[in-house]
N, C-alpha and C. Protein backbone atom coordinates (compact mmCIF):
# COMPACT_ATOMS: atom_id res chain seq x y z
N ALA A 1 -1.85 -8.49 2.85
CA ALA A 1 -0.90 -8.58 3.94
C ALA A 1 -1.41 -9.57 4.98
N LYS A 2 -1.67 -10.75 4.54
CA LYS A 2 -2.11 -11.78 5.48
C LYS A 2 -1.36 -13.06 5.20
N PRO A 3 -1.15 -13.91 6.15
CA PRO A 3 -1.46 -13.74 7.56
C PRO A 3 -0.46 -12.79 8.22
N LEU A 4 -0.94 -12.09 9.23
CA LEU A 4 -0.12 -11.13 9.95
C LEU A 4 -0.37 -11.35 11.43
N ALA A 5 0.69 -11.31 12.23
CA ALA A 5 0.54 -11.52 13.67
C ALA A 5 1.19 -10.35 14.40
N THR A 6 0.58 -9.95 15.50
CA THR A 6 1.17 -8.93 16.36
C THR A 6 1.09 -9.42 17.80
N ALA A 7 2.06 -9.02 18.59
CA ALA A 7 2.07 -9.41 20.00
C ALA A 7 2.85 -8.37 20.79
N GLN A 8 2.57 -8.32 22.06
CA GLN A 8 3.30 -7.45 22.98
C GLN A 8 3.75 -8.32 24.14
N LEU A 9 5.04 -8.35 24.41
CA LEU A 9 5.60 -9.11 25.52
C LEU A 9 6.42 -8.14 26.35
N ALA A 10 5.84 -7.71 27.47
CA ALA A 10 6.45 -6.66 28.30
C ALA A 10 6.67 -5.44 27.42
N SER A 11 7.89 -4.99 27.24
CA SER A 11 8.15 -3.82 26.40
C SER A 11 8.53 -4.20 24.97
N LEU A 12 8.45 -5.47 24.64
CA LEU A 12 8.83 -5.96 23.32
C LEU A 12 7.60 -6.05 22.42
N SER A 13 7.63 -5.35 21.28
CA SER A 13 6.56 -5.44 20.28
C SER A 13 7.00 -6.39 19.19
N ILE A 14 6.10 -7.27 18.78
CA ILE A 14 6.42 -8.29 17.78
C ILE A 14 5.43 -8.18 16.63
N VAL A 15 5.95 -8.19 15.41
CA VAL A 15 5.11 -8.23 14.21
C VAL A 15 5.61 -9.39 13.36
N GLY A 16 4.72 -10.34 13.07
CA GLY A 16 5.04 -11.45 12.19
C GLY A 16 4.45 -11.17 10.82
N LEU A 17 5.31 -11.08 9.81
CA LEU A 17 4.86 -10.76 8.45
C LEU A 17 4.59 -12.03 7.65
N PRO A 18 3.78 -11.92 6.60
CA PRO A 18 3.48 -13.08 5.76
C PRO A 18 4.72 -13.59 5.02
N GLY A 19 4.62 -14.79 4.49
CA GLY A 19 5.74 -15.39 3.76
C GLY A 19 5.85 -14.95 2.32
N ASN A 20 4.74 -14.60 1.69
CA ASN A 20 4.81 -14.13 0.31
C ASN A 20 5.44 -12.74 0.28
N PRO A 21 6.37 -12.50 -0.65
CA PRO A 21 7.15 -11.26 -0.61
C PRO A 21 6.33 -9.98 -0.75
N VAL A 22 5.34 -9.97 -1.62
CA VAL A 22 4.53 -8.76 -1.78
C VAL A 22 3.68 -8.54 -0.53
N SER A 23 3.11 -9.59 0.00
CA SER A 23 2.33 -9.47 1.24
C SER A 23 3.20 -8.98 2.39
N ALA A 24 4.44 -9.44 2.45
CA ALA A 24 5.35 -8.99 3.50
C ALA A 24 5.64 -7.50 3.35
N ARG A 25 5.87 -7.04 2.14
CA ARG A 25 6.14 -5.60 1.91
C ARG A 25 4.93 -4.76 2.30
N VAL A 26 3.75 -5.19 1.89
CA VAL A 26 2.53 -4.45 2.22
C VAL A 26 2.30 -4.46 3.73
N GLY A 27 2.48 -5.61 4.36
CA GLY A 27 2.34 -5.69 5.82
C GLY A 27 3.32 -4.79 6.54
N PHE A 28 4.54 -4.71 6.03
CA PHE A 28 5.52 -3.82 6.64
C PHE A 28 5.09 -2.38 6.48
N GLU A 29 4.66 -1.98 5.27
CA GLU A 29 4.25 -0.59 5.02
C GLU A 29 3.09 -0.17 5.91
N LEU A 30 2.12 -1.08 6.10
CA LEU A 30 0.91 -0.72 6.83
C LEU A 30 1.03 -0.88 8.34
N PHE A 31 1.85 -1.83 8.81
CA PHE A 31 1.86 -2.16 10.24
C PHE A 31 3.24 -2.03 10.89
N ALA A 32 4.22 -2.76 10.40
CA ALA A 32 5.53 -2.79 11.06
C ALA A 32 6.27 -1.46 10.95
N GLY A 33 6.29 -0.87 9.78
CA GLY A 33 6.98 0.41 9.61
C GLY A 33 6.43 1.50 10.52
N PRO A 34 5.11 1.70 10.53
CA PRO A 34 4.56 2.71 11.45
C PRO A 34 4.85 2.40 12.92
N LEU A 35 4.85 1.12 13.30
CA LEU A 35 5.18 0.75 14.68
C LEU A 35 6.62 1.15 15.01
N ILE A 36 7.54 0.82 14.12
CA ILE A 36 8.95 1.16 14.34
C ILE A 36 9.14 2.67 14.42
N ARG A 37 8.47 3.40 13.54
CA ARG A 37 8.60 4.87 13.55
C ARG A 37 7.98 5.47 14.81
N THR A 38 6.86 4.90 15.27
CA THR A 38 6.25 5.36 16.52
C THR A 38 7.21 5.14 17.68
N MET A 39 7.81 3.96 17.73
CA MET A 39 8.75 3.65 18.80
C MET A 39 9.98 4.55 18.74
N GLY A 40 10.30 5.03 17.53
CA GLY A 40 11.45 5.93 17.37
C GLY A 40 11.12 7.39 17.66
N GLY A 41 9.87 7.67 18.01
CA GLY A 41 9.50 9.02 18.37
C GLY A 41 9.11 9.93 17.22
N PHE A 42 8.89 9.36 16.04
CA PHE A 42 8.51 10.17 14.89
C PHE A 42 7.08 10.69 15.05
N ARG A 43 6.84 11.89 14.54
CA ARG A 43 5.50 12.48 14.60
C ARG A 43 4.60 11.90 13.52
N LYS A 44 5.12 11.75 12.32
CA LYS A 44 4.35 11.19 11.20
C LYS A 44 4.89 9.79 10.94
N VAL A 45 4.02 8.81 11.06
CA VAL A 45 4.51 7.43 10.99
C VAL A 45 4.02 6.68 9.76
N HIS A 46 3.06 7.24 9.04
CA HIS A 46 2.53 6.58 7.85
C HIS A 46 2.99 7.31 6.59
N ARG A 47 3.13 6.55 5.54
CA ARG A 47 3.43 7.19 4.26
C ARG A 47 2.21 7.99 3.80
N ARG A 48 2.46 8.93 2.94
CA ARG A 48 1.41 9.83 2.46
C ARG A 48 0.43 9.11 1.55
N ARG A 49 -0.84 9.47 1.68
CA ARG A 49 -1.90 8.98 0.79
C ARG A 49 -2.41 10.16 -0.02
N VAL A 50 -2.67 9.90 -1.29
CA VAL A 50 -3.21 10.92 -2.19
C VAL A 50 -4.37 10.30 -2.97
N VAL A 51 -5.12 11.17 -3.62
CA VAL A 51 -6.22 10.71 -4.47
C VAL A 51 -5.77 10.85 -5.92
N ALA A 52 -6.06 9.81 -6.70
CA ALA A 52 -5.74 9.81 -8.13
C ALA A 52 -6.95 9.27 -8.88
N ARG A 53 -6.94 9.43 -10.17
CA ARG A 53 -8.00 8.88 -11.02
C ARG A 53 -7.48 7.63 -11.72
N ALA A 54 -8.35 6.64 -11.87
CA ALA A 54 -7.95 5.37 -12.49
C ALA A 54 -7.75 5.55 -13.99
N ALA A 55 -6.64 5.02 -14.49
CA ALA A 55 -6.34 5.09 -15.92
C ALA A 55 -7.04 3.99 -16.70
N HIS A 56 -7.48 2.96 -16.00
CA HIS A 56 -8.16 1.84 -16.65
C HIS A 56 -9.10 1.18 -15.64
N ILE A 57 -9.80 0.17 -16.06
CA ILE A 57 -10.74 -0.53 -15.18
C ILE A 57 -9.97 -1.45 -14.23
N PHE A 58 -10.34 -1.39 -12.95
CA PHE A 58 -9.86 -2.33 -11.95
C PHE A 58 -11.05 -3.22 -11.62
N ASP A 59 -11.02 -4.48 -12.04
CA ASP A 59 -12.15 -5.38 -11.82
C ASP A 59 -12.38 -5.62 -10.34
N ALA A 60 -13.63 -5.86 -9.99
CA ALA A 60 -14.02 -6.09 -8.59
C ALA A 60 -13.46 -7.41 -8.08
N HIS A 61 -13.12 -7.41 -6.79
CA HIS A 61 -12.76 -8.63 -6.07
C HIS A 61 -13.97 -8.98 -5.21
N HIS A 62 -14.33 -10.24 -5.17
CA HIS A 62 -15.55 -10.64 -4.45
C HIS A 62 -15.25 -11.48 -3.22
N ASP A 63 -14.10 -11.26 -2.59
CA ASP A 63 -13.73 -12.06 -1.42
C ASP A 63 -13.87 -11.29 -0.12
N GLN A 64 -14.52 -10.12 -0.15
CA GLN A 64 -14.78 -9.31 1.04
C GLN A 64 -13.53 -8.80 1.74
N LYS A 65 -12.44 -8.65 0.98
CA LYS A 65 -11.21 -8.09 1.53
C LYS A 65 -10.82 -6.85 0.73
N VAL A 66 -10.20 -5.90 1.40
CA VAL A 66 -9.60 -4.78 0.69
C VAL A 66 -8.35 -5.29 -0.01
N HIS A 67 -8.21 -4.98 -1.28
CA HIS A 67 -7.01 -5.35 -2.03
C HIS A 67 -6.17 -4.11 -2.23
N LEU A 68 -4.88 -4.29 -2.26
CA LEU A 68 -3.94 -3.20 -2.50
C LEU A 68 -3.19 -3.52 -3.78
N ASP A 69 -3.69 -2.98 -4.88
CA ASP A 69 -3.08 -3.22 -6.19
C ASP A 69 -1.85 -2.35 -6.34
N ARG A 70 -0.82 -2.91 -6.96
CA ARG A 70 0.40 -2.15 -7.23
C ARG A 70 0.16 -1.26 -8.43
N GLY A 71 0.68 -0.02 -8.36
CA GLY A 71 0.44 0.90 -9.46
C GLY A 71 1.54 1.92 -9.63
N GLN A 72 1.39 2.69 -10.71
CA GLN A 72 2.29 3.79 -11.02
C GLN A 72 1.46 5.05 -11.23
N LEU A 73 2.02 6.19 -10.85
CA LEU A 73 1.35 7.47 -11.01
C LEU A 73 1.92 8.23 -12.19
N GLU A 74 1.02 9.00 -12.82
CA GLU A 74 1.42 9.94 -13.86
C GLU A 74 0.64 11.22 -13.63
N PHE A 75 1.15 12.32 -14.15
CA PHE A 75 0.39 13.56 -14.13
C PHE A 75 -0.39 13.65 -15.43
N GLY A 76 -1.71 13.70 -15.31
CA GLY A 76 -2.57 13.86 -16.47
C GLY A 76 -3.09 15.28 -16.53
N PRO A 77 -3.91 15.57 -17.55
CA PRO A 77 -4.43 16.93 -17.69
C PRO A 77 -5.31 17.37 -16.51
N ASP A 78 -5.91 16.41 -15.81
CA ASP A 78 -6.79 16.74 -14.68
C ASP A 78 -6.21 16.32 -13.34
N GLY A 79 -4.91 16.08 -13.27
CA GLY A 79 -4.28 15.70 -12.01
C GLY A 79 -3.63 14.34 -12.09
N LEU A 80 -3.49 13.69 -10.94
CA LEU A 80 -2.80 12.40 -10.87
C LEU A 80 -3.66 11.29 -11.46
N VAL A 81 -3.00 10.40 -12.19
CA VAL A 81 -3.64 9.24 -12.79
C VAL A 81 -2.85 8.01 -12.37
N VAL A 82 -3.55 6.93 -11.99
CA VAL A 82 -2.88 5.71 -11.55
C VAL A 82 -3.20 4.56 -12.50
N SER A 83 -2.16 3.79 -12.80
CA SER A 83 -2.28 2.59 -13.64
C SER A 83 -1.78 1.40 -12.85
N ARG A 84 -2.41 0.25 -13.04
CA ARG A 84 -1.91 -0.98 -12.43
C ARG A 84 -0.61 -1.35 -13.13
N VAL A 85 0.32 -1.91 -12.35
CA VAL A 85 1.62 -2.29 -12.91
C VAL A 85 1.96 -3.71 -12.49
N GLY A 86 2.44 -4.50 -13.42
CA GLY A 86 2.95 -5.84 -13.12
C GLY A 86 1.90 -6.83 -12.68
N GLU A 87 2.41 -8.02 -12.33
CA GLU A 87 1.55 -9.08 -11.81
C GLU A 87 1.05 -8.69 -10.43
N GLN A 88 -0.17 -9.07 -10.10
CA GLN A 88 -0.77 -8.64 -8.85
C GLN A 88 -0.81 -9.74 -7.79
N GLN A 89 -0.35 -10.94 -8.10
CA GLN A 89 -0.36 -12.00 -7.09
C GLN A 89 0.70 -11.73 -6.02
N SER A 90 0.39 -12.18 -4.80
CA SER A 90 1.26 -11.85 -3.66
C SER A 90 2.60 -12.57 -3.68
N HIS A 91 2.74 -13.60 -4.50
CA HIS A 91 4.02 -14.32 -4.55
C HIS A 91 4.93 -13.82 -5.67
N VAL A 92 4.46 -12.88 -6.49
CA VAL A 92 5.22 -12.41 -7.65
C VAL A 92 5.91 -11.09 -7.32
N LEU A 93 7.15 -11.18 -6.91
CA LEU A 93 7.90 -10.00 -6.48
C LEU A 93 8.13 -9.01 -7.62
N SER A 94 8.25 -9.51 -8.85
CA SER A 94 8.48 -8.61 -9.98
C SER A 94 7.33 -7.63 -10.16
N GLY A 95 6.13 -7.98 -9.71
CA GLY A 95 5.00 -7.06 -9.80
C GLY A 95 5.13 -5.86 -8.89
N LEU A 96 6.01 -5.96 -7.91
CA LEU A 96 6.21 -4.86 -6.97
C LEU A 96 7.37 -3.96 -7.37
N THR A 97 8.26 -4.46 -8.20
CA THR A 97 9.48 -3.70 -8.50
C THR A 97 9.21 -2.38 -9.20
N GLY A 98 8.19 -2.31 -10.04
CA GLY A 98 7.89 -1.06 -10.73
C GLY A 98 6.82 -0.24 -10.06
N ALA A 99 6.35 -0.68 -8.90
CA ALA A 99 5.24 0.00 -8.22
C ALA A 99 5.72 1.24 -7.48
N GLU A 100 4.96 2.32 -7.64
CA GLU A 100 5.21 3.55 -6.90
C GLU A 100 4.17 3.75 -5.81
N VAL A 101 3.02 3.08 -5.98
CA VAL A 101 1.89 3.27 -5.06
C VAL A 101 1.17 1.95 -4.83
N LEU A 102 0.38 1.93 -3.76
CA LEU A 102 -0.59 0.87 -3.54
C LEU A 102 -1.97 1.49 -3.67
N VAL A 103 -2.81 0.89 -4.51
CA VAL A 103 -4.16 1.40 -4.76
C VAL A 103 -5.13 0.68 -3.84
N PHE A 104 -5.85 1.43 -3.00
CA PHE A 104 -6.85 0.83 -2.11
C PHE A 104 -8.08 0.47 -2.94
N HIS A 105 -8.38 -0.83 -2.97
CA HIS A 105 -9.47 -1.35 -3.81
C HIS A 105 -10.44 -2.09 -2.90
N GLU A 106 -11.58 -1.45 -2.60
CA GLU A 106 -12.56 -1.99 -1.67
C GLU A 106 -13.22 -3.24 -2.25
N PRO A 107 -13.65 -4.16 -1.38
CA PRO A 107 -14.28 -5.39 -1.83
C PRO A 107 -15.55 -5.12 -2.65
N GLY A 108 -15.69 -5.85 -3.74
CA GLY A 108 -16.88 -5.77 -4.56
C GLY A 108 -16.98 -4.55 -5.45
N ARG A 109 -16.01 -3.65 -5.40
CA ARG A 109 -16.08 -2.42 -6.19
C ARG A 109 -15.31 -2.58 -7.50
N THR A 110 -15.98 -2.29 -8.60
CA THR A 110 -15.29 -2.16 -9.87
C THR A 110 -14.92 -0.70 -10.01
N ILE A 111 -13.65 -0.44 -10.24
CA ILE A 111 -13.17 0.92 -10.41
C ILE A 111 -13.15 1.22 -11.91
N ALA A 112 -13.94 2.19 -12.32
CA ALA A 112 -14.03 2.55 -13.74
C ALA A 112 -12.96 3.58 -14.09
N ILE A 113 -12.71 3.71 -15.38
CA ILE A 113 -11.76 4.72 -15.85
C ILE A 113 -12.25 6.10 -15.38
N GLY A 114 -11.36 6.83 -14.74
CA GLY A 114 -11.69 8.17 -14.25
C GLY A 114 -12.18 8.21 -12.82
N ASP A 115 -12.51 7.05 -12.23
CA ASP A 115 -12.95 7.04 -10.84
C ASP A 115 -11.80 7.47 -9.92
N GLU A 116 -12.15 8.15 -8.84
CA GLU A 116 -11.15 8.52 -7.84
C GLU A 116 -10.83 7.33 -6.95
N VAL A 117 -9.55 7.16 -6.66
CA VAL A 117 -9.09 6.11 -5.75
C VAL A 117 -8.04 6.70 -4.83
N THR A 118 -7.94 6.13 -3.64
CA THR A 118 -6.90 6.51 -2.70
C THR A 118 -5.69 5.63 -2.94
N VAL A 119 -4.52 6.25 -3.00
CA VAL A 119 -3.28 5.50 -3.19
C VAL A 119 -2.29 5.86 -2.09
N LEU A 120 -1.51 4.87 -1.69
CA LEU A 120 -0.46 5.03 -0.69
C LEU A 120 0.87 5.13 -1.43
N LEU A 121 1.59 6.24 -1.24
CA LEU A 121 2.88 6.43 -1.91
C LEU A 121 3.92 5.52 -1.27
N LEU A 122 4.61 4.74 -2.08
CA LEU A 122 5.65 3.84 -1.57
C LEU A 122 7.01 4.50 -1.51
N ASP A 123 7.20 5.54 -2.27
CA ASP A 123 8.47 6.25 -2.28
C ASP A 123 8.29 7.58 -1.57
N GLY A 124 9.38 8.12 -1.13
CA GLY A 124 9.28 9.45 -0.54
C GLY A 124 10.30 9.65 0.56
N ASP A 125 10.61 10.90 0.79
CA ASP A 125 11.58 11.28 1.79
C ASP A 125 10.86 11.58 3.08
N TRP A 126 11.18 10.84 4.12
CA TRP A 126 10.58 11.07 5.43
C TRP A 126 11.47 11.94 6.31
N SER A 127 12.55 12.50 5.76
CA SER A 127 13.53 13.20 6.59
C SER A 127 12.91 14.41 7.30
N GLU A 128 11.90 15.04 6.66
CA GLU A 128 11.28 16.19 7.30
C GLU A 128 10.43 15.78 8.49
N GLN A 129 10.26 14.51 8.71
CA GLN A 129 9.43 14.02 9.79
C GLN A 129 10.25 13.50 10.97
N CYS A 130 11.53 13.80 10.97
CA CYS A 130 12.38 13.30 12.07
C CYS A 130 11.89 13.85 13.40
N PRO A 131 12.12 13.08 14.47
CA PRO A 131 11.65 13.53 15.78
C PRO A 131 12.30 14.83 16.22
């Protein structure tokens, strides 16, 4: 979700999202959406995060940034299991269309099969969180 810009001008809050479509969606989920919900008086402003186990290896990124891989959840014999889905580049919107979650992937970490990872649910009903 980079580049991302935020500003405050009197009572006006401004969020500038990236130009790549996947980066814009991620930036909205992490920053703009919670800001809008906060301004609307909602008590819970972030989507739910859960822990799942990796269904396959997620190779390490060595650029010192947290990556948010697109994924899908399944119920396995030991709980939730997450698989990477689609293309992972920020300009490939089709890689986001089948995604149910964003997998938090810390810099330099190789995620092995069965490792626990935190995922952000992209779908869900927020109606119970109305102000």
